[in-house]
Amino acid sequence: MIALRFDELVEQPNHLLGKCCRHLGIDKIYTSVAISLHDRVFAGEPDAIRPSLLPILHEM
């Protein structure tokens, strides 16, 4: 079992990816891909939550 913390994802995403890959036994795969985990692929709109979803989220 591996414990993942959100703050580690935010602060050290490459380290967390390495930890996950080592746990899965694929530690050599992720190092061959040139990626930057700090770059946002889709940051979304500033007000990304659709108004129609707000009642559902409030209910949850």
N, C-alpha and C. Protein backbone atom coordinates (compact mmCIF):
# COMPACT_ATOMS: atom_id res chain seq x y z
N MET A 1 0.84 -1.17 0.00
CA MET A 1 0.00 0.00 0.00
C MET A 1 0.89 1.24 0.00
N ILE A 2 0.44 2.26 -0.69
CA ILE A 2 1.18 3.51 -0.77
C ILE A 2 0.25 4.65 -0.35
N ALA A 3 0.78 5.55 0.43
CA ALA A 3 0.00 6.71 0.87
C ALA A 3 0.40 7.92 0.03
N LEU A 4 -0.60 8.57 -0.55
CA LEU A 4 -0.36 9.76 -1.35
C LEU A 4 -1.01 10.95 -0.67
N ARG A 5 -0.27 12.03 -0.57
CA ARG A 5 -0.80 13.23 0.06
C ARG A 5 -0.97 14.33 -0.99
N PHE A 6 -2.07 15.06 -0.89
CA PHE A 6 -2.35 16.12 -1.85
C PHE A 6 -1.26 17.18 -1.83
N ASP A 7 -0.79 17.54 -0.64
CA ASP A 7 0.25 18.58 -0.58
C ASP A 7 1.52 18.14 -1.29
N GLU A 8 1.81 16.86 -1.28
CA GLU A 8 2.98 16.35 -2.01
C GLU A 8 2.74 16.45 -3.52
N LEU A 9 1.51 16.20 -3.93
CA LEU A 9 1.16 16.33 -5.34
C LEU A 9 1.35 17.77 -5.81
N VAL A 10 0.95 18.72 -4.99
CA VAL A 10 1.05 20.13 -5.34
C VAL A 10 2.51 20.60 -5.30
N GLU A 11 3.24 20.23 -4.26
CA GLU A 11 4.58 20.76 -4.04
C GLU A 11 5.67 20.00 -4.79
N GLN A 12 5.53 18.68 -4.91
CA GLN A 12 6.57 17.85 -5.54
C GLN A 12 5.95 16.80 -6.45
N PRO A 13 5.31 17.23 -7.54
CA PRO A 13 4.61 16.25 -8.39
C PRO A 13 5.54 15.22 -9.03
N ASN A 14 6.74 15.61 -9.43
CA ASN A 14 7.67 14.65 -10.03
C ASN A 14 8.09 13.59 -9.02
N HIS A 15 8.32 13.99 -7.80
CA HIS A 15 8.68 13.04 -6.74
C HIS A 15 7.53 12.06 -6.49
N LEU A 16 6.31 12.57 -6.45
CA LEU A 16 5.15 11.72 -6.22
C LEU A 16 4.95 10.74 -7.37
N LEU A 17 5.15 11.21 -8.60
CA LEU A 17 5.05 10.32 -9.75
C LEU A 17 6.08 9.21 -9.65
N GLY A 18 7.30 9.56 -9.26
CA GLY A 18 8.34 8.56 -9.08
C GLY A 18 7.97 7.54 -8.02
N LYS A 19 7.40 8.01 -6.93
CA LYS A 19 6.97 7.11 -5.85
C LYS A 19 5.90 6.14 -6.35
N CYS A 20 4.94 6.66 -7.11
CA CYS A 20 3.88 5.80 -7.65
C CYS A 20 4.45 4.77 -8.63
N CYS A 21 5.33 5.22 -9.50
CA CYS A 21 5.91 4.32 -10.49
C CYS A 21 6.76 3.23 -9.83
N ARG A 22 7.55 3.60 -8.82
CA ARG A 22 8.35 2.59 -8.11
C ARG A 22 7.44 1.57 -7.43
N HIS A 23 6.34 2.04 -6.86
CA HIS A 23 5.39 1.14 -6.20
C HIS A 23 4.79 0.15 -7.21
N LEU A 24 4.56 0.63 -8.44
CA LEU A 24 4.00 -0.23 -9.47
C LEU A 24 5.05 -1.05 -10.21
N GLY A 25 6.31 -0.77 -9.91
CA GLY A 25 7.38 -1.52 -10.56
C GLY A 25 7.69 -1.02 -11.95
N ILE A 26 7.41 0.23 -12.24
CA ILE A 26 7.67 0.80 -13.57
C ILE A 26 8.54 2.05 -13.45
N ASP A 27 9.50 2.01 -12.55
CA ASP A 27 10.30 3.21 -12.25
C ASP A 27 11.12 3.72 -13.42
N LYS A 28 11.42 2.92 -14.41
CA LYS A 28 12.23 3.39 -15.53
C LYS A 28 11.39 4.05 -16.62
N ILE A 29 10.10 3.83 -16.63
CA ILE A 29 9.24 4.34 -17.70
C ILE A 29 9.07 5.85 -17.62
N TYR A 30 8.73 6.35 -16.44
CA TYR A 30 8.41 7.77 -16.36
C TYR A 30 9.61 8.67 -16.58
N THR A 31 10.82 8.18 -16.35
CA THR A 31 12.00 9.02 -16.55
C THR A 31 12.32 9.23 -18.01
N SER A 32 11.78 8.37 -18.89
CA SER A 32 12.06 8.51 -20.31
C SER A 32 11.15 9.54 -20.98
N VAL A 33 10.14 9.98 -20.29
CA VAL A 33 9.20 10.95 -20.86
C VAL A 33 9.56 12.34 -20.36
N ALA A 34 9.79 13.24 -21.28
CA ALA A 34 10.14 14.61 -20.90
C ALA A 34 8.86 15.40 -20.65
N ILE A 35 8.47 15.47 -19.39
CA ILE A 35 7.26 16.21 -19.04
C ILE A 35 7.55 17.11 -17.85
N SER A 36 6.79 18.15 -17.78
CA SER A 36 6.86 19.02 -16.62
C SER A 36 5.49 18.95 -15.94
N LEU A 37 5.47 18.42 -14.75
CA LEU A 37 4.20 18.26 -14.05
C LEU A 37 3.72 19.55 -13.42
N HIS A 38 4.50 20.61 -13.54
CA HIS A 38 4.06 21.90 -13.02
C HIS A 38 3.26 22.67 -14.05
N ASP A 39 3.35 22.27 -15.32
CA ASP A 39 2.59 22.94 -16.37
C ASP A 39 1.15 22.44 -16.34
N ARG A 40 0.23 23.38 -16.32
CA ARG A 40 -1.18 23.00 -16.32
C ARG A 40 -1.62 22.68 -17.74
N VAL A 41 -2.26 21.55 -17.89
CA VAL A 41 -2.76 21.16 -19.19
C VAL A 41 -4.08 21.87 -19.44
N PHE A 42 -4.94 21.87 -18.46
CA PHE A 42 -6.19 22.59 -18.55
C PHE A 42 -6.46 23.22 -17.20
N ALA A 43 -6.20 24.50 -17.11
CA ALA A 43 -6.39 25.19 -15.84
C ALA A 43 -7.86 25.51 -15.59
N GLY A 44 -8.66 25.51 -16.65
CA GLY A 44 -10.07 25.82 -16.51
C GLY A 44 -10.31 27.32 -16.46
N GLU A 45 -11.54 27.65 -16.52
CA GLU A 45 -11.96 29.05 -16.44
C GLU A 45 -11.94 29.48 -14.98
N PRO A 46 -11.83 30.78 -14.72
CA PRO A 46 -11.84 31.24 -13.33
C PRO A 46 -13.12 30.81 -12.58
N ASP A 47 -14.23 30.80 -13.28
CA ASP A 47 -15.50 30.35 -12.71
C ASP A 47 -15.90 29.06 -13.42
N ALA A 48 -15.14 28.01 -13.20
CA ALA A 48 -15.30 26.79 -13.98
C ALA A 48 -16.54 25.98 -13.61
N ILE A 49 -17.13 26.20 -12.45
CA ILE A 49 -18.30 25.42 -12.05
C ILE A 49 -19.53 26.01 -12.72
N ARG A 50 -20.21 25.16 -13.47
CA ARG A 50 -21.44 25.61 -14.12
C ARG A 50 -22.49 25.90 -13.07
N PRO A 51 -23.24 26.97 -13.23
CA PRO A 51 -24.29 27.30 -12.26
C PRO A 51 -25.29 26.18 -12.05
N SER A 52 -25.54 25.37 -13.08
CA SER A 52 -26.50 24.27 -12.95
C SER A 52 -26.00 23.19 -12.01
N LEU A 53 -24.68 23.13 -11.75
CA LEU A 53 -24.13 22.11 -10.85
C LEU A 53 -24.11 22.55 -9.39
N LEU A 54 -24.24 23.83 -9.14
CA LEU A 54 -24.16 24.33 -7.77
C LEU A 54 -25.17 23.70 -6.81
N PRO A 55 -26.46 23.56 -7.19
CA PRO A 55 -27.40 22.92 -6.26
C PRO A 55 -27.01 21.47 -5.93
N ILE A 56 -26.48 20.78 -6.89
CA ILE A 56 -26.07 19.38 -6.67
C ILE A 56 -24.90 19.35 -5.69
N LEU A 57 -23.93 20.24 -5.88
CA LEU A 57 -22.77 20.28 -4.98
C LEU A 57 -23.15 20.68 -3.58
N HIS A 58 -24.07 21.63 -3.46
CA HIS A 58 -24.53 22.04 -2.14
C HIS A 58 -25.24 20.90 -1.43
N GLU A 59 -25.97 20.10 -2.19
CA GLU A 59 -26.68 18.96 -1.60
C GLU A 59 -25.71 17.89 -1.10
N MET A 60 -24.62 17.75 -1.79
CA MET A 60 -23.64 16.74 -1.40
C MET A 60 -22.95 17.16 -0.13
